[in-house]
Amino acid sequence: MLSDILQAFITLWGGKNAYPTEEKINQNLKQLRYEAWFQDLFSNHTGLFMENKEIRYVIGAVDLDKVLKNEKDKSKFHEVLLILIDKKQR
């Protein structure tokens, strides 16, 4: 079920070439670190953001500029990250 949600999310915001490069992932992480809502999340879960392949994949696959321009999309993206973090902490 979670993988279906993630696939739909990536298709909607990231397009069909959803295999991000490390460069794209790191670029998106750097951009996200300017977002207030992401700063606490990143500081509390730095290890997951740096090492977890599923979280890194989602971060790199989205069209971050599009997501950050729309409050609803930003909220959904935040929610997906929280779900992934919660899943990894179990």
N, C-alpha and C. Protein backbone atom coordinates (compact mmCIF):
# COMPACT_ATOMS: atom_id res chain seq x y z
N MET A 1 0.82 -1.19 0.00
CA MET A 1 0.00 0.00 0.00
C MET A 1 0.86 1.26 0.00
N LEU A 2 1.87 1.30 0.87
CA LEU A 2 2.75 2.47 0.91
C LEU A 2 3.48 2.64 -0.42
N SER A 3 3.90 1.54 -1.01
CA SER A 3 4.61 1.65 -2.28
C SER A 3 3.69 2.20 -3.38
N ASP A 4 2.41 1.86 -3.34
CA ASP A 4 1.45 2.41 -4.30
C ASP A 4 1.30 3.91 -4.11
N ILE A 5 1.23 4.34 -2.87
CA ILE A 5 1.12 5.77 -2.56
C ILE A 5 2.36 6.50 -3.05
N LEU A 6 3.53 5.94 -2.77
CA LEU A 6 4.77 6.57 -3.19
C LEU A 6 4.87 6.64 -4.70
N GLN A 7 4.49 5.56 -5.38
CA GLN A 7 4.56 5.56 -6.84
C GLN A 7 3.64 6.62 -7.43
N ALA A 8 2.44 6.73 -6.89
CA ALA A 8 1.50 7.75 -7.37
C ALA A 8 2.05 9.14 -7.11
N PHE A 9 2.62 9.33 -5.95
CA PHE A 9 3.21 10.62 -5.58
C PHE A 9 4.34 10.99 -6.54
N ILE A 10 5.21 10.05 -6.79
CA ILE A 10 6.36 10.31 -7.67
C ILE A 10 5.90 10.56 -9.10
N THR A 11 4.93 9.81 -9.56
CA THR A 11 4.42 10.02 -10.91
C THR A 11 3.81 11.40 -11.05
N LEU A 12 3.05 11.83 -10.03
CA LEU A 12 2.42 13.14 -10.10
C LEU A 12 3.43 14.28 -10.07
N TRP A 13 4.42 14.18 -9.21
CA TRP A 13 5.33 15.31 -9.02
C TRP A 13 6.69 15.14 -9.64
N GLY A 14 7.09 13.94 -9.94
CA GLY A 14 8.43 13.75 -10.44
C GLY A 14 8.51 13.36 -11.89
N GLY A 15 7.41 13.01 -12.47
CA GLY A 15 7.44 12.59 -13.85
C GLY A 15 7.76 11.11 -13.96
N LYS A 16 8.05 10.70 -15.17
CA LYS A 16 8.25 9.27 -15.42
C LYS A 16 9.70 8.83 -15.28
N ASN A 17 10.65 9.74 -15.39
CA ASN A 17 12.05 9.34 -15.19
C ASN A 17 12.35 9.47 -13.72
N ALA A 18 11.84 8.56 -12.95
CA ALA A 18 11.89 8.68 -11.50
C ALA A 18 13.11 7.99 -10.89
N TYR A 19 14.21 7.95 -11.58
CA TYR A 19 15.43 7.41 -11.01
C TYR A 19 16.42 8.56 -10.84
N PRO A 20 16.34 9.22 -9.71
CA PRO A 20 17.17 10.42 -9.51
C PRO A 20 18.65 10.08 -9.29
N THR A 21 19.48 11.00 -9.71
CA THR A 21 20.92 10.85 -9.47
C THR A 21 21.23 11.35 -8.06
N GLU A 22 22.37 10.96 -7.56
CA GLU A 22 22.81 11.46 -6.25
C GLU A 22 22.91 12.98 -6.28
N GLU A 23 23.33 13.52 -7.40
CA GLU A 23 23.44 14.97 -7.55
C GLU A 23 22.07 15.63 -7.38
N LYS A 24 21.04 15.05 -8.01
CA LYS A 24 19.69 15.61 -7.90
C LYS A 24 19.16 15.49 -6.47
N ILE A 25 19.41 14.35 -5.84
CA ILE A 25 18.97 14.14 -4.45
C ILE A 25 19.62 15.18 -3.55
N ASN A 26 20.93 15.36 -3.68
CA ASN A 26 21.64 16.32 -2.84
C ASN A 26 21.22 17.76 -3.12
N GLN A 27 20.95 18.05 -4.38
CA GLN A 27 20.47 19.39 -4.75
C GLN A 27 19.12 19.65 -4.10
N ASN A 28 18.21 18.68 -4.14
CA ASN A 28 16.90 18.85 -3.52
C ASN A 28 17.01 18.95 -2.00
N LEU A 29 17.88 18.15 -1.40
CA LEU A 29 18.10 18.26 0.05
C LEU A 29 18.60 19.64 0.43
N LYS A 30 19.52 20.16 -0.35
CA LYS A 30 20.06 21.50 -0.07
C LYS A 30 18.95 22.55 -0.17
N GLN A 31 18.11 22.42 -1.18
CA GLN A 31 17.00 23.36 -1.36
C GLN A 31 15.99 23.23 -0.22
N LEU A 32 15.71 22.00 0.19
CA LEU A 32 14.75 21.77 1.28
C LEU A 32 15.24 22.35 2.60
N ARG A 33 16.53 22.40 2.81
CA ARG A 33 17.06 22.88 4.08
C ARG A 33 16.78 24.37 4.30
N TYR A 34 16.33 25.06 3.27
CA TYR A 34 15.91 26.46 3.41
C TYR A 34 14.45 26.58 3.86
N GLU A 35 13.73 25.46 3.85
CA GLU A 35 12.33 25.45 4.25
C GLU A 35 12.23 25.25 5.76
N ALA A 36 11.51 26.14 6.44
CA ALA A 36 11.40 26.07 7.90
C ALA A 36 10.84 24.73 8.38
N TRP A 37 9.81 24.21 7.71
CA TRP A 37 9.18 22.96 8.13
C TRP A 37 10.15 21.78 8.01
N PHE A 38 11.10 21.88 7.08
CA PHE A 38 12.04 20.78 6.85
C PHE A 38 13.23 20.82 7.81
N GLN A 39 13.58 21.98 8.30
CA GLN A 39 14.77 22.13 9.13
C GLN A 39 14.72 21.25 10.38
N ASP A 40 13.61 21.27 11.11
CA ASP A 40 13.48 20.43 12.30
C ASP A 40 13.46 18.95 11.93
N LEU A 41 12.75 18.64 10.88
CA LEU A 41 12.68 17.26 10.41
C LEU A 41 14.07 16.73 10.07
N PHE A 42 14.83 17.55 9.37
CA PHE A 42 16.18 17.15 8.97
C PHE A 42 17.10 17.02 10.18
N SER A 43 17.03 17.97 11.10
CA SER A 43 17.93 17.92 12.25
C SER A 43 17.62 16.73 13.16
N ASN A 44 16.35 16.33 13.23
CA ASN A 44 15.97 15.18 14.06
C ASN A 44 16.21 13.83 13.40
N HIS A 45 16.33 13.82 12.07
CA HIS A 45 16.44 12.55 11.34
C HIS A 45 17.53 12.61 10.27
N THR A 46 18.60 13.30 10.54
CA THR A 46 19.67 13.49 9.57
C THR A 46 20.16 12.16 9.00
N GLY A 47 20.34 11.17 9.85
CA GLY A 47 20.84 9.87 9.41
C GLY A 47 19.94 9.25 8.35
N LEU A 48 18.64 9.32 8.55
CA LEU A 48 17.72 8.76 7.56
C LEU A 48 17.80 9.52 6.23
N PHE A 49 17.88 10.82 6.30
CA PHE A 49 17.95 11.61 5.07
C PHE A 49 19.26 11.38 4.31
N MET A 50 20.30 11.03 5.03
CA MET A 50 21.59 10.83 4.39
C MET A 50 21.80 9.38 3.91
N GLU A 51 21.13 8.42 4.54
CA GLU A 51 21.43 7.02 4.25
C GLU A 51 20.27 6.18 3.73
N ASN A 52 19.04 6.54 4.05
CA ASN A 52 17.91 5.69 3.67
C ASN A 52 17.58 5.85 2.19
N LYS A 53 17.67 4.76 1.46
CA LYS A 53 17.48 4.82 0.01
C LYS A 53 16.07 5.22 -0.40
N GLU A 54 15.07 4.75 0.33
CA GLU A 54 13.69 5.06 -0.02
C GLU A 54 13.39 6.55 0.17
N ILE A 55 13.83 7.10 1.28
CA ILE A 55 13.62 8.53 1.53
C ILE A 55 14.40 9.37 0.53
N ARG A 56 15.63 8.99 0.27
CA ARG A 56 16.45 9.74 -0.70
C ARG A 56 15.85 9.66 -2.10
N TYR A 57 15.32 8.51 -2.44
CA TYR A 57 14.68 8.33 -3.75
C TYR A 57 13.51 9.30 -3.91
N VAL A 58 12.65 9.36 -2.91
CA VAL A 58 11.48 10.24 -2.96
C VAL A 58 11.92 11.70 -3.07
N ILE A 59 12.91 12.07 -2.29
CA ILE A 59 13.40 13.46 -2.32
C ILE A 59 13.96 13.81 -3.69
N GLY A 60 14.68 12.89 -4.28
CA GLY A 60 15.28 13.16 -5.59
C GLY A 60 14.31 13.06 -6.74
N ALA A 61 13.25 12.28 -6.59
CA ALA A 61 12.34 12.03 -7.70
C ALA A 61 11.31 13.13 -7.92
N VAL A 62 11.01 13.89 -6.88
CA VAL A 62 9.97 14.92 -7.03
C VAL A 62 10.50 16.15 -7.77
N ASP A 63 9.58 16.85 -8.39
CA ASP A 63 9.88 18.16 -8.97
C ASP A 63 9.73 19.16 -7.83
N LEU A 64 10.81 19.39 -7.13
CA LEU A 64 10.77 20.15 -5.89
C LEU A 64 10.29 21.58 -6.09
N ASP A 65 10.69 22.21 -7.18
CA ASP A 65 10.23 23.58 -7.43
C ASP A 65 8.70 23.64 -7.51
N LYS A 66 8.13 22.67 -8.19
CA LYS A 66 6.67 22.61 -8.33
C LYS A 66 6.01 22.35 -6.97
N VAL A 67 6.55 21.43 -6.21
CA VAL A 67 6.00 21.07 -4.91
C VAL A 67 6.04 22.26 -3.95
N LEU A 68 7.15 22.96 -3.91
CA LEU A 68 7.32 24.04 -2.95
C LEU A 68 6.50 25.28 -3.29
N LYS A 69 6.07 25.41 -4.53
CA LYS A 69 5.26 26.56 -4.93
C LYS A 69 3.79 26.41 -4.56
N ASN A 70 3.37 25.20 -4.23
CA ASN A 70 1.97 24.93 -3.96
C ASN A 70 1.83 24.41 -2.53
N GLU A 71 1.08 25.12 -1.70
CA GLU A 71 0.97 24.75 -0.29
C GLU A 71 0.38 23.35 -0.09
N LYS A 72 -0.60 23.01 -0.91
CA LYS A 72 -1.22 21.68 -0.80
C LYS A 72 -0.19 20.59 -1.14
N ASP A 73 0.56 20.79 -2.22
CA ASP A 73 1.59 19.82 -2.60
C ASP A 73 2.69 19.73 -1.55
N LYS A 74 3.04 20.89 -1.01
CA LYS A 74 4.08 20.92 0.03
C LYS A 74 3.63 20.13 1.25
N SER A 75 2.38 20.30 1.62
CA SER A 75 1.82 19.59 2.76
C SER A 75 1.80 18.07 2.50
N LYS A 76 1.42 17.67 1.31
CA LYS A 76 1.41 16.24 0.96
C LYS A 76 2.82 15.66 0.98
N PHE A 77 3.77 16.41 0.47
CA PHE A 77 5.16 15.96 0.45
C PHE A 77 5.67 15.79 1.88
N HIS A 78 5.36 16.75 2.72
CA HIS A 78 5.75 16.69 4.13
C HIS A 78 5.15 15.43 4.77
N GLU A 79 3.88 15.18 4.48
CA GLU A 79 3.20 14.01 5.03
C GLU A 79 3.86 12.71 4.57
N VAL A 80 4.23 12.63 3.30
CA VAL A 80 4.90 11.44 2.78
C VAL A 80 6.23 11.23 3.50
N LEU A 81 6.98 12.30 3.70
CA LEU A 81 8.25 12.18 4.42
C LEU A 81 8.03 11.68 5.84
N LEU A 82 7.00 12.21 6.50
CA LEU A 82 6.71 11.76 7.87
C LEU A 82 6.32 10.29 7.91
N ILE A 83 5.56 9.83 6.93
CA ILE A 83 5.17 8.42 6.85
C ILE A 83 6.41 7.55 6.67
N LEU A 84 7.30 7.96 5.78
CA LEU A 84 8.52 7.18 5.55
C LEU A 84 9.41 7.14 6.79
N ILE A 85 9.53 8.26 7.45
CA ILE A 85 10.35 8.32 8.67
C ILE A 85 9.74 7.41 9.74
N ASP A 86 8.43 7.49 9.90
CA ASP A 86 7.77 6.65 10.89
C ASP A 86 7.97 5.17 10.56
N LYS A 87 7.84 4.83 9.30
CA LYS A 87 8.03 3.44 8.86
C LYS A 87 9.44 2.94 9.18
N LYS A 88 10.42 3.78 9.00
CA LYS A 88 11.82 3.38 9.22
C LYS A 88 12.18 3.31 10.69
N GLN A 89 11.42 3.98 11.55
CA GLN A 89 11.72 3.98 12.97
C GLN A 89 11.07 2.83 13.72
N ARG A 90 10.23 2.06 13.05
CA ARG A 90 9.55 0.92 13.72
C ARG A 90 10.48 -0.24 13.85
